[in-house]
Amino acid sequence: MKEIMLKNVVGSFAEDKDLAREIRTKEIVPALDAGEEVTLDFVDVDAATQSFIHALISDIIRKRGIESLDSIYFKNCNTVVKKIISIVTDYMQESA
């Protein structure tokens, strides 16, 4: 399993969608391609923007289907981050 400690990369406020895209393309997608599960650890990340989460996971869902989330785990998310992840995943399910 690949674990990505987001605080080390994005700081306490995850807002940079270009950085999210880089995490997706350089870390998440290669791990999924190798058959690994991925844990996105949000410990000490106080908030995330919808555009950050969208850039982080929506392309994966679009290309691999919503079941791709069965291999991606969201760890140590506070209420704010959970809500944003929920908004993005709900939107992606509706648009599928």
C-alpha atoms as a PDB file:
ATOM      1  CA  MET A   1       0.000   0.000   0.000  1.00  0.00           C
ATOM      2  CA  LYS A   2       1.203   3.470  -0.895  1.00  0.00           C
ATOM      3  CA  GLU A   3       0.649   6.110   1.785  1.00  0.00           C
ATOM      4  CA  ILE A   4       0.837   9.778   0.881  1.00  0.00           C
ATOM      5  CA  MET A   5       1.236  12.208   3.774  1.00  0.00           C
ATOM      6  CA  LEU A   6      -0.422  15.269   2.258  1.00  0.00           C
ATOM      7  CA  LYS A   7       0.651  17.723   4.993  1.00  0.00           C
ATOM      8  CA  ASN A   8       4.282  17.196   3.980  1.00  0.00           C
ATOM      9  CA  VAL A   9       3.447  18.264   0.434  1.00  0.00           C
ATOM     10  CA  VAL A  10       0.580  20.761   0.682  1.00  0.00           C
ATOM     11  CA  GLY A  11       0.814  22.167   4.205  1.00  0.00           C
ATOM     12  CA  SER A  12      -2.197  22.676   6.456  1.00  0.00           C
ATOM     13  CA  PHE A  13      -4.416  24.147   3.718  1.00  0.00           C
ATOM     14  CA  ALA A  14      -4.725  22.014   0.577  1.00  0.00           C
ATOM     15  CA  GLU A  15      -5.594  24.489  -2.152  1.00  0.00           C
ATOM     16  CA  ASP A  16      -3.058  24.218  -4.982  1.00  0.00           C
ATOM     17  CA  LYS A  17      -4.827  22.275  -7.739  1.00  0.00           C
ATOM     18  CA  ASP A  18      -1.625  22.054  -9.801  1.00  0.00           C
ATOM     19  CA  LEU A  19       0.061  20.339  -6.873  1.00  0.00           C
ATOM     20  CA  ALA A  20      -2.960  18.026  -6.533  1.00  0.00           C
ATOM     21  CA  ARG A  21      -2.668  17.133 -10.222  1.00  0.00           C
ATOM     22  CA  GLU A  22       1.038  16.388  -9.720  1.00  0.00           C
ATOM     23  CA  ILE A  23       0.294  14.114  -6.743  1.00  0.00           C
ATOM     24  CA  ARG A  24      -2.332  12.332  -8.831  1.00  0.00           C
ATOM     25  CA  THR A  25      -0.148  11.799 -11.890  1.00  0.00           C
ATOM     26  CA  LYS A  26       3.158  11.046 -10.170  1.00  0.00           C
ATOM     27  CA  GLU A  27       2.030   9.099  -7.118  1.00  0.00           C
ATOM     28  CA  ILE A  28      -1.599   7.945  -7.113  1.00  0.00           C
ATOM     29  CA  VAL A  29      -2.016   6.760 -10.710  1.00  0.00           C
ATOM     30  CA  PRO A  30       1.299   4.851 -10.881  1.00  0.00           C
ATOM     31  CA  ALA A  31       0.445   3.074  -7.613  1.00  0.00           C
ATOM     32  CA  LEU A  32      -3.024   2.143  -8.873  1.00  0.00           C
ATOM     33  CA  ASP A  33      -1.519   0.988 -12.188  1.00  0.00           C
ATOM     34  CA  ALA A  34       0.779  -1.298 -10.179  1.00  0.00           C
ATOM     35  CA  GLY A  35      -2.231  -2.797  -8.409  1.00  0.00           C
ATOM     36  CA  GLU A  36      -1.528  -1.047  -5.117  1.00  0.00           C
ATOM     37  CA  GLU A  37      -4.025   0.571  -2.818  1.00  0.00           C
ATOM     38  CA  VAL A  38      -3.401   4.216  -1.944  1.00  0.00           C
ATOM     39  CA  THR A  39      -3.933   5.963   1.375  1.00  0.00           C
ATOM     40  CA  LEU A  40      -4.217   9.736   1.322  1.00  0.00           C
ATOM     41  CA  ASP A  41      -3.380  10.827   4.865  1.00  0.00           C
ATOM     42  CA  PHE A  42      -4.826  14.227   5.747  1.00  0.00           C
ATOM     43  CA  VAL A  43      -3.354  14.371   9.274  1.00  0.00           C
ATOM     44  CA  ASP A  44      -2.823  18.047  10.255  1.00  0.00           C
ATOM     45  CA  VAL A  45      -4.479  19.284   7.049  1.00  0.00           C
ATOM     46  CA  ASP A  46      -7.043  21.744   8.411  1.00  0.00           C
ATOM     47  CA  ALA A  47      -8.935  22.362   5.173  1.00  0.00           C
ATOM     48  CA  ALA A  48      -8.985  21.597   1.465  1.00  0.00           C
ATOM     49  CA  THR A  49     -10.646  23.371  -1.414  1.00  0.00           C
ATOM     50  CA  GLN A  50     -13.096  21.625  -3.683  1.00  0.00           C
ATOM     51  CA  SER A  51     -10.811  22.348  -6.635  1.00  0.00           C
ATOM     52  CA  PHE A  52      -7.889  20.631  -4.861  1.00  0.00           C
ATOM     53  CA  ILE A  53      -9.870  17.447  -4.148  1.00  0.00           C
ATOM     54  CA  HIS A  54     -11.369  17.552  -7.643  1.00  0.00           C
ATOM     55  CA  ALA A  55      -7.891  17.763  -9.217  1.00  0.00           C
ATOM     56  CA  LEU A  56      -6.671  15.007  -6.895  1.00  0.00           C
ATOM     57  CA  ILE A  57      -9.279  12.322  -7.666  1.00  0.00           C
ATOM     58  CA  SER A  58     -11.860  13.260 -10.312  1.00  0.00           C
ATOM     59  CA  ASP A  59      -9.761  12.262 -13.335  1.00  0.00           C
ATOM     60  CA  ILE A  60      -9.149   8.863 -11.750  1.00  0.00           C
ATOM     61  CA  ILE A  61     -12.885   8.375 -11.221  1.00  0.00           C
ATOM     62  CA  ARG A  62     -13.676   9.581 -14.736  1.00  0.00           C
ATOM     63  CA  LYS A  63     -11.200   7.189 -16.358  1.00  0.00           C
ATOM     64  CA  ARG A  64     -11.488   4.160 -14.052  1.00  0.00           C
ATOM     65  CA  GLY A  65     -15.023   4.460 -12.726  1.00  0.00           C
ATOM     66  CA  ILE A  66     -16.352   5.180  -9.264  1.00  0.00           C
ATOM     67  CA  GLU A  67     -15.202   1.730  -8.128  1.00  0.00           C
ATOM     68  CA  SER A  68     -11.638   3.079  -8.302  1.00  0.00           C
ATOM     69  CA  LEU A  69     -12.376   4.622  -4.910  1.00  0.00           C
ATOM     70  CA  ASP A  70     -12.330   1.084  -3.498  1.00  0.00           C
ATOM     71  CA  SER A  71      -8.525   1.328  -3.799  1.00  0.00           C
ATOM     72  CA  ILE A  72      -8.155   4.852  -2.411  1.00  0.00           C
ATOM     73  CA  TYR A  73      -8.422   5.468   1.319  1.00  0.00           C
ATOM     74  CA  PHE A  74      -8.869   8.851   2.961  1.00  0.00           C
ATOM     75  CA  LYS A  75      -7.268   8.844   6.411  1.00  0.00           C
ATOM     76  CA  ASN A  76      -7.326  11.350   9.283  1.00  0.00           C
ATOM     77  CA  CYS A  77      -9.807  13.669   7.572  1.00  0.00           C
ATOM     78  CA  ASN A  78     -11.472  16.271   9.737  1.00  0.00           C
ATOM     79  CA  THR A  79     -15.121  17.217   9.207  1.00  0.00           C
ATOM     80  CA  VAL A  80     -14.303  19.975   6.701  1.00  0.00           C
ATOM     81  CA  VAL A  81     -12.124  17.750   4.531  1.00  0.00           C
ATOM     82  CA  LYS A  82     -14.638  14.868   4.703  1.00  0.00           C
ATOM     83  CA  LYS A  83     -17.382  17.191   3.467  1.00  0.00           C
ATOM     84  CA  ILE A  84     -15.317  18.382   0.495  1.00  0.00           C
ATOM     85  CA  ILE A  85     -14.388  14.803  -0.468  1.00  0.00           C
ATOM     86  CA  SER A  86     -18.058  13.852  -0.236  1.00  0.00           C
ATOM     87  CA  ILE A  87     -19.115  16.767  -2.455  1.00  0.00           C
ATOM     88  CA  VAL A  88     -16.579  15.818  -5.139  1.00  0.00           C
ATOM     89  CA  THR A  89     -17.332  12.083  -5.086  1.00  0.00           C
ATOM     90  CA  ASP A  90     -21.100  12.702  -5.131  1.00  0.00           C
ATOM     91  CA  TYR A  91     -20.684  15.036  -8.106  1.00  0.00           C
ATOM     92  CA  MET A  92     -18.579  12.481  -9.962  1.00  0.00           C
ATOM     93  CA  GLN A  93     -21.183   9.752  -9.349  1.00  0.00           C
ATOM     94  CA  GLU A  94     -23.944  11.991 -10.686  1.00  0.00           C
ATOM     95  CA  SER A  95     -21.987  12.921 -13.791  1.00  0.00           C
ATOM     96  CA  ALA A  96     -21.056   9.308 -14.603  1.00  0.00           C
END
